[in-house]
Amino acid sequence: MNMAKNNYDKNIQNWLDMVEYDMVTAGKMLKTGRYVYVLFMCHLAIEKILKAAVAIKTQKPPPKTHDLIYLIGISDIKLPQGLMDFVGIINNTAIVTRYPEDLSALVSNYTRPVVRKYHEKTLELIECIKQELKLKKK
């Protein structure tokens, strides 16, 4: 295996490892009631798996963006409509969780049941993308 291919595979594996790390962190934040950070980590994990998908598709480093819809477009990932709808929703939470105008309002809007659903949907989405990536690597 040549050095460039080895580095390429290592970079993709690093993105995938970070997805797992971020989702463990999201789970711990869910248990401790730090719900804004659950949303933040879920968005980050989705962003990273999509960046791995972009790297696989383009054979280049992914762009430095937080826009999940854009990353899906350039990764050529195909998702069921329900998961695409979820991506649109969580994509919009990125701004409010990164730059909250009113933290108390943000905290009161994202209760445990709401955030638990985001967490579960994120796990489902990541699993779906992993399956897509297995198909694309063959």
N, C-alpha and C. Protein backbone atom coordinates (compact mmCIF):
# COMPACT_ATOMS: atom_id res chain seq x y z
N MET A 1 0.86 -1.18 0.00
CA MET A 1 0.00 0.00 0.00
C MET A 1 0.90 1.24 0.00
N ASN A 2 0.62 2.17 -0.92
CA ASN A 2 1.48 3.35 -0.95
C ASN A 2 1.13 4.32 0.17
N MET A 3 2.05 5.26 0.42
CA MET A 3 1.92 6.17 1.55
C MET A 3 0.67 7.05 1.43
N ALA A 4 0.37 7.56 0.24
CA ALA A 4 -0.79 8.44 0.06
C ALA A 4 -2.08 7.68 0.39
N LYS A 5 -2.21 6.46 -0.09
CA LYS A 5 -3.40 5.65 0.18
C LYS A 5 -3.51 5.36 1.68
N ASN A 6 -2.38 5.05 2.31
CA ASN A 6 -2.36 4.77 3.74
C ASN A 6 -2.82 5.99 4.53
N ASN A 7 -2.33 7.18 4.20
CA ASN A 7 -2.74 8.41 4.88
C ASN A 7 -4.21 8.71 4.64
N TYR A 8 -4.67 8.49 3.41
CA TYR A 8 -6.07 8.71 3.05
C TYR A 8 -6.97 7.83 3.91
N ASP A 9 -6.66 6.53 3.99
CA ASP A 9 -7.46 5.60 4.80
C ASP A 9 -7.41 5.98 6.27
N LYS A 10 -6.25 6.40 6.73
CA LYS A 10 -6.08 6.80 8.13
C LYS A 10 -6.94 8.03 8.44
N ASN A 11 -6.99 8.99 7.52
CA ASN A 11 -7.81 10.18 7.73
C ASN A 11 -9.29 9.84 7.79
N ILE A 12 -9.74 8.98 6.92
CA ILE A 12 -11.15 8.56 6.93
C ILE A 12 -11.45 7.82 8.23
N GLN A 13 -10.57 6.92 8.63
CA GLN A 13 -10.79 6.19 9.89
C GLN A 13 -10.82 7.15 11.07
N ASN A 14 -10.00 8.18 11.02
CA ASN A 14 -9.99 9.19 12.08
C ASN A 14 -11.34 9.89 12.17
N TRP A 15 -11.93 10.26 11.02
CA TRP A 15 -13.26 10.89 11.02
C TRP A 15 -14.26 9.95 11.68
N LEU A 16 -14.21 8.67 11.30
CA LEU A 16 -15.17 7.69 11.83
C LEU A 16 -14.96 7.45 13.32
N ASP A 17 -13.70 7.44 13.76
CA ASP A 17 -13.42 7.30 15.19
C ASP A 17 -13.98 8.49 15.97
N MET A 18 -13.87 9.70 15.40
CA MET A 18 -14.38 10.89 16.06
C MET A 18 -15.90 10.85 16.17
N VAL A 19 -16.57 10.26 15.19
CA VAL A 19 -18.03 10.10 15.24
C VAL A 19 -18.40 9.29 16.48
N GLU A 20 -17.72 8.17 16.67
CA GLU A 20 -18.00 7.33 17.84
C GLU A 20 -17.71 8.07 19.13
N TYR A 21 -16.60 8.77 19.19
CA TYR A 21 -16.23 9.53 20.39
C TYR A 21 -17.29 10.58 20.71
N ASP A 22 -17.74 11.31 19.67
CA ASP A 22 -18.74 12.36 19.87
C ASP A 22 -20.07 11.79 20.33
N MET A 23 -20.45 10.62 19.81
CA MET A 23 -21.73 10.04 20.23
C MET A 23 -21.66 9.49 21.65
N VAL A 24 -20.52 8.99 22.07
CA VAL A 24 -20.36 8.59 23.48
C VAL A 24 -20.50 9.84 24.35
N THR A 25 -19.87 10.92 23.92
CA THR A 25 -19.97 12.19 24.67
C THR A 25 -21.42 12.65 24.72
N ALA A 26 -22.14 12.57 23.60
CA ALA A 26 -23.55 12.96 23.58
C ALA A 26 -24.35 12.13 24.57
N GLY A 27 -24.10 10.84 24.62
CA GLY A 27 -24.79 9.96 25.56
C GLY A 27 -24.53 10.35 27.01
N LYS A 28 -23.29 10.69 27.30
CA LYS A 28 -22.94 11.11 28.67
C LYS A 28 -23.60 12.45 29.01
N MET A 29 -23.66 13.35 28.05
CA MET A 29 -24.31 14.64 28.28
C MET A 29 -25.82 14.44 28.48
N LEU A 30 -26.41 13.49 27.78
CA LEU A 30 -27.82 13.18 27.96
C LEU A 30 -28.08 12.69 29.39
N LYS A 31 -27.21 11.82 29.88
CA LYS A 31 -27.35 11.29 31.24
C LYS A 31 -27.20 12.37 32.30
N THR A 32 -26.38 13.36 32.04
CA THR A 32 -26.13 14.40 33.05
C THR A 32 -27.01 15.64 32.88
N GLY A 33 -27.90 15.61 31.87
CA GLY A 33 -28.83 16.72 31.71
C GLY A 33 -28.26 17.94 31.00
N ARG A 34 -27.16 17.79 30.30
CA ARG A 34 -26.57 18.91 29.55
C ARG A 34 -27.07 18.83 28.10
N TYR A 35 -28.36 19.12 27.95
CA TYR A 35 -29.06 18.85 26.70
C TYR A 35 -28.60 19.68 25.52
N VAL A 36 -28.21 20.91 25.73
CA VAL A 36 -27.70 21.73 24.62
C VAL A 36 -26.47 21.06 24.02
N TYR A 37 -25.64 20.49 24.88
CA TYR A 37 -24.44 19.83 24.38
C TYR A 37 -24.73 18.51 23.70
N VAL A 38 -25.82 17.86 24.05
CA VAL A 38 -26.23 16.66 23.33
C VAL A 38 -26.51 17.04 21.88
N LEU A 39 -27.27 18.10 21.69
CA LEU A 39 -27.58 18.56 20.33
C LEU A 39 -26.31 18.93 19.58
N PHE A 40 -25.44 19.66 20.25
CA PHE A 40 -24.19 20.08 19.63
C PHE A 40 -23.36 18.87 19.20
N MET A 41 -23.23 17.89 20.09
CA MET A 41 -22.42 16.71 19.77
C MET A 41 -23.08 15.85 18.69
N CYS A 42 -24.40 15.76 18.69
CA CYS A 42 -25.09 15.02 17.64
C CYS A 42 -24.83 15.66 16.28
N HIS A 43 -24.96 16.97 16.21
CA HIS A 43 -24.68 17.68 14.96
C HIS A 43 -23.23 17.44 14.54
N LEU A 44 -22.31 17.53 15.48
CA LEU A 44 -20.90 17.35 15.19
C LEU A 44 -20.62 15.94 14.67
N ALA A 45 -21.23 14.94 15.28
CA ALA A 45 -21.03 13.56 14.83
C ALA A 45 -21.55 13.35 13.41
N ILE A 46 -22.71 13.92 13.13
CA ILE A 46 -23.27 13.81 11.77
C ILE A 46 -22.34 14.51 10.79
N GLU A 47 -21.89 15.69 11.16
CA GLU A 47 -20.97 16.44 10.30
C GLU A 47 -19.72 15.61 9.99
N LYS A 48 -19.18 14.94 10.99
CA LYS A 48 -17.95 14.18 10.79
C LYS A 48 -18.17 12.94 9.94
N ILE A 49 -19.28 12.25 10.11
CA ILE A 49 -19.51 11.07 9.26
C ILE A 49 -19.74 11.51 7.81
N LEU A 50 -20.39 12.66 7.66
CA LEU A 50 -20.58 13.17 6.30
C LEU A 50 -19.25 13.63 5.69
N LYS A 51 -18.36 14.14 6.50
CA LYS A 51 -17.04 14.52 5.99
C LYS A 51 -16.25 13.28 5.57
N ALA A 52 -16.40 12.19 6.31
CA ALA A 52 -15.79 10.92 5.88
C ALA A 52 -16.39 10.49 4.54
N ALA A 53 -17.69 10.63 4.39
CA ALA A 53 -18.35 10.26 3.14
C ALA A 53 -17.87 11.13 1.98
N VAL A 54 -17.70 12.42 2.24
CA VAL A 54 -17.18 13.33 1.21
C VAL A 54 -15.77 12.91 0.81
N ALA A 55 -14.94 12.60 1.79
CA ALA A 55 -13.56 12.18 1.49
C ALA A 55 -13.54 10.90 0.66
N ILE A 56 -14.43 9.97 0.98
CA ILE A 56 -14.51 8.73 0.20
C ILE A 56 -14.95 9.04 -1.23
N LYS A 57 -15.95 9.87 -1.37
CA LYS A 57 -16.51 10.20 -2.69
C LYS A 57 -15.53 11.00 -3.55
N THR A 58 -14.91 12.02 -2.97
CA THR A 58 -14.09 12.95 -3.76
C THR A 58 -12.61 12.59 -3.77
N GLN A 59 -12.19 11.72 -2.85
CA GLN A 59 -10.77 11.39 -2.69
C GLN A 59 -9.93 12.61 -2.32
N LYS A 60 -10.59 13.57 -1.67
CA LYS A 60 -9.94 14.80 -1.22
C LYS A 60 -10.41 15.11 0.20
N PRO A 61 -9.67 15.95 0.90
CA PRO A 61 -10.15 16.38 2.22
C PRO A 61 -11.49 17.11 2.09
N PRO A 62 -12.39 16.91 3.05
CA PRO A 62 -13.70 17.57 2.98
C PRO A 62 -13.59 19.06 3.26
N PRO A 63 -14.57 19.83 2.79
CA PRO A 63 -14.55 21.27 3.05
C PRO A 63 -14.80 21.58 4.53
N LYS A 64 -14.33 22.72 4.94
CA LYS A 64 -14.53 23.17 6.33
C LYS A 64 -15.85 23.90 6.40
N THR A 65 -16.89 23.13 6.66
CA THR A 65 -18.25 23.66 6.75
C THR A 65 -19.01 22.89 7.82
N HIS A 66 -20.04 23.54 8.37
CA HIS A 66 -20.93 22.87 9.32
C HIS A 66 -22.27 22.54 8.67
N ASP A 67 -22.44 22.85 7.41
CA ASP A 67 -23.71 22.69 6.71
C ASP A 67 -23.91 21.23 6.28
N LEU A 68 -24.77 20.55 7.00
CA LEU A 68 -25.01 19.13 6.75
C LEU A 68 -25.65 18.88 5.39
N ILE A 69 -26.55 19.75 4.99
CA ILE A 69 -27.23 19.59 3.69
C ILE A 69 -26.21 19.68 2.56
N TYR A 70 -25.31 20.64 2.65
CA TYR A 70 -24.25 20.79 1.66
C TYR A 70 -23.37 19.53 1.61
N LEU A 71 -23.00 19.03 2.78
CA LEU A 71 -22.14 17.84 2.83
C LEU A 71 -22.84 16.62 2.25
N ILE A 72 -24.14 16.48 2.50
CA ILE A 72 -24.88 15.37 1.89
C ILE A 72 -24.85 15.49 0.38
N GLY A 73 -25.04 16.70 -0.11
CA GLY A 73 -25.03 16.92 -1.57
C GLY A 73 -23.72 16.51 -2.21
N ILE A 74 -22.60 16.90 -1.63
CA ILE A 74 -21.32 16.57 -2.27
C ILE A 74 -20.84 15.16 -1.95
N SER A 75 -21.45 14.53 -0.95
CA SER A 75 -21.06 13.15 -0.62
C SER A 75 -21.83 12.14 -1.47
N ASP A 76 -22.93 12.59 -2.05
CA ASP A 76 -23.80 11.73 -2.86
C ASP A 76 -24.47 10.64 -2.02
N ILE A 77 -24.62 10.90 -0.73
CA ILE A 77 -25.32 9.96 0.16
C ILE A 77 -26.82 10.06 -0.14
N LYS A 78 -27.46 8.92 -0.22
CA LYS A 78 -28.91 8.87 -0.43
C LYS A 78 -29.57 8.43 0.88
N LEU A 79 -30.47 9.29 1.38
CA LEU A 79 -31.14 9.00 2.64
C LEU A 79 -32.64 8.93 2.43
N PRO A 80 -33.34 8.13 3.25
CA PRO A 80 -34.80 8.15 3.22
C PRO A 80 -35.31 9.54 3.60
N GLN A 81 -36.47 9.90 3.12
CA GLN A 81 -37.00 11.25 3.33
C GLN A 81 -37.09 11.63 4.81
N GLY A 82 -37.49 10.69 5.66
CA GLY A 82 -37.60 10.98 7.08
C GLY A 82 -36.26 11.39 7.68
N LEU A 83 -35.18 10.74 7.26
CA LEU A 83 -33.86 11.11 7.76
C LEU A 83 -33.39 12.43 7.15
N MET A 84 -33.75 12.67 5.90
CA MET A 84 -33.41 13.97 5.30
C MET A 84 -34.11 15.10 6.04
N ASP A 85 -35.36 14.87 6.40
CA ASP A 85 -36.10 15.87 7.18
C ASP A 85 -35.40 16.13 8.51
N PHE A 86 -34.95 15.06 9.16
CA PHE A 86 -34.23 15.22 10.42
C PHE A 86 -32.93 16.01 10.22
N VAL A 87 -32.22 15.73 9.15
CA VAL A 87 -30.98 16.47 8.88
C VAL A 87 -31.28 17.96 8.75
N GLY A 88 -32.35 18.30 8.08
CA GLY A 88 -32.74 19.71 7.97
C GLY A 88 -33.01 20.33 9.33
N ILE A 89 -33.67 19.58 10.18
CA ILE A 89 -33.99 20.09 11.52
C ILE A 89 -32.74 20.27 12.37
N ILE A 90 -31.89 19.23 12.41
CA ILE A 90 -30.70 19.33 13.26
C ILE A 90 -29.68 20.30 12.67
N ASN A 91 -29.70 20.46 11.37
CA ASN A 91 -28.82 21.44 10.73
C ASN A 91 -29.14 22.84 11.26
N ASN A 92 -30.42 23.12 11.46
CA ASN A 92 -30.83 24.43 11.97
C ASN A 92 -30.48 24.62 13.45
N THR A 93 -30.35 23.53 14.20
CA THR A 93 -29.99 23.66 15.61
C THR A 93 -28.53 24.06 15.79
N ALA A 94 -27.73 23.87 14.77
CA ALA A 94 -26.29 24.17 14.88
C ALA A 94 -26.06 25.63 15.24
N ILE A 95 -26.82 26.51 14.64
CA ILE A 95 -26.62 27.94 14.91
C ILE A 95 -27.02 28.28 16.34
N VAL A 96 -28.20 27.82 16.76
CA VAL A 96 -28.66 28.19 18.10
C VAL A 96 -27.85 27.54 19.21
N THR A 97 -27.28 26.36 18.95
CA THR A 97 -26.47 25.74 20.00
C THR A 97 -25.06 26.32 20.04
N ARG A 98 -24.57 26.78 18.91
CA ARG A 98 -23.23 27.39 18.88
C ARG A 98 -23.27 28.84 19.37
N TYR A 99 -24.33 29.55 19.03
CA TYR A 99 -24.42 30.98 19.33
C TYR A 99 -25.77 31.33 19.94
N PRO A 100 -26.06 30.80 21.13
CA PRO A 100 -27.39 31.06 21.71
C PRO A 100 -27.58 32.53 22.07
N GLU A 101 -28.72 33.06 21.65
CA GLU A 101 -29.05 34.44 22.02
C GLU A 101 -29.61 34.49 23.44
N ASP A 102 -30.29 33.41 23.83
CA ASP A 102 -30.90 33.35 25.16
C ASP A 102 -30.76 31.92 25.68
N LEU A 103 -29.75 31.69 26.50
CA LEU A 103 -29.48 30.34 26.98
C LEU A 103 -30.66 29.75 27.74
N SER A 104 -31.32 30.52 28.57
CA SER A 104 -32.43 29.97 29.36
C SER A 104 -33.57 29.53 28.44
N ALA A 105 -33.84 30.29 27.39
CA ALA A 105 -34.88 29.89 26.43
C ALA A 105 -34.46 28.63 25.68
N LEU A 106 -33.20 28.56 25.31
CA LEU A 106 -32.68 27.39 24.62
C LEU A 106 -32.83 26.14 25.49
N VAL A 107 -32.44 26.26 26.74
CA VAL A 107 -32.52 25.14 27.68
C VAL A 107 -33.97 24.71 27.89
N SER A 108 -34.88 25.67 28.00
CA SER A 108 -36.28 25.30 28.23
C SER A 108 -36.94 24.69 26.99
N ASN A 109 -36.46 25.01 25.79
CA ASN A 109 -37.01 24.44 24.56
C ASN A 109 -36.54 23.01 24.32
N TYR A 110 -35.35 22.69 24.77
CA TYR A 110 -34.78 21.37 24.51
C TYR A 110 -34.76 20.55 25.80
N THR A 111 -35.91 19.97 26.09
CA THR A 111 -36.08 19.14 27.29
C THR A 111 -35.54 17.73 27.03
N ARG A 112 -35.46 16.97 28.10
CA ARG A 112 -34.94 15.60 27.99
C ARG A 112 -35.67 14.77 26.92
N PRO A 113 -37.01 14.73 26.91
CA PRO A 113 -37.69 13.91 25.89
C PRO A 113 -37.37 14.37 24.46
N VAL A 114 -37.31 15.66 24.26
CA VAL A 114 -37.01 16.20 22.93
C VAL A 114 -35.59 15.82 22.51
N VAL A 115 -34.66 16.03 23.40
CA VAL A 115 -33.26 15.78 23.09
C VAL A 115 -32.99 14.28 22.95
N ARG A 116 -33.66 13.47 23.73
CA ARG A 116 -33.50 12.02 23.60
C ARG A 116 -33.90 11.58 22.19
N LYS A 117 -34.97 12.17 21.65
CA LYS A 117 -35.39 11.84 20.28
C LYS A 117 -34.33 12.26 19.26
N TYR A 118 -33.73 13.43 19.46
CA TYR A 118 -32.63 13.87 18.59
C TYR A 118 -31.48 12.87 18.64
N HIS A 119 -31.14 12.44 19.84
CA HIS A 119 -30.05 11.50 20.04
C HIS A 119 -30.34 10.18 19.32
N GLU A 120 -31.54 9.66 19.51
CA GLU A 120 -31.92 8.40 18.87
C GLU A 120 -31.92 8.52 17.36
N LYS A 121 -32.43 9.62 16.85
CA LYS A 121 -32.49 9.84 15.40
C LYS A 121 -31.08 9.99 14.83
N THR A 122 -30.20 10.62 15.60
CA THR A 122 -28.82 10.77 15.15
C THR A 122 -28.16 9.40 15.04
N LEU A 123 -28.37 8.53 16.02
CA LEU A 123 -27.81 7.18 15.95
C LEU A 123 -28.34 6.43 14.71
N GLU A 124 -29.63 6.59 14.46
CA GLU A 124 -30.24 5.95 13.28
C GLU A 124 -29.61 6.50 11.99
N LEU A 125 -29.45 7.80 11.92
CA LEU A 125 -28.87 8.44 10.74
C LEU A 125 -27.43 7.98 10.52
N ILE A 126 -26.64 7.94 11.58
CA ILE A 126 -25.25 7.51 11.46
C ILE A 126 -25.18 6.07 10.96
N GLU A 127 -26.04 5.22 11.48
CA GLU A 127 -26.06 3.83 11.04
C GLU A 127 -26.42 3.74 9.56
N CYS A 128 -27.38 4.52 9.12
CA CYS A 128 -27.79 4.54 7.72
C CYS A 128 -26.63 5.00 6.84
N ILE A 129 -25.93 6.03 7.24
CA ILE A 129 -24.79 6.53 6.45
C ILE A 129 -23.67 5.50 6.42
N LYS A 130 -23.42 4.83 7.54
CA LYS A 130 -22.40 3.78 7.56
C LYS A 130 -22.74 2.68 6.54
N GLN A 131 -24.01 2.33 6.46
CA GLN A 131 -24.43 1.32 5.48
C GLN A 131 -24.20 1.82 4.06
N GLU A 132 -24.51 3.08 3.81
CA GLU A 132 -24.25 3.69 2.49
C GLU A 132 -22.76 3.65 2.17
N LEU A 133 -21.94 3.96 3.15
CA LEU A 133 -20.49 3.99 2.93
C LEU A 133 -19.96 2.60 2.59
N LYS A 134 -20.50 1.56 3.23
CA LYS A 134 -20.08 0.19 2.91
C LYS A 134 -20.39 -0.13 1.45
N LEU A 135 -21.55 0.33 0.98
CA LEU A 135 -21.91 0.09 -0.41
C LEU A 135 -20.97 0.85 -1.36
N LYS A 136 -20.62 2.07 -1.00
CA LYS A 136 -19.79 2.89 -1.87
C LYS A 136 -18.34 2.42 -1.92
N LYS A 137 -17.85 1.78 -0.85
CA LYS A 137 -16.46 1.35 -0.81
C LYS A 137 -16.22 0.10 -1.66
N LYS A 138 -17.28 -0.65 -1.98
CA LYS A 138 -17.12 -1.90 -2.74
C LYS A 138 -16.80 -1.63 -4.18
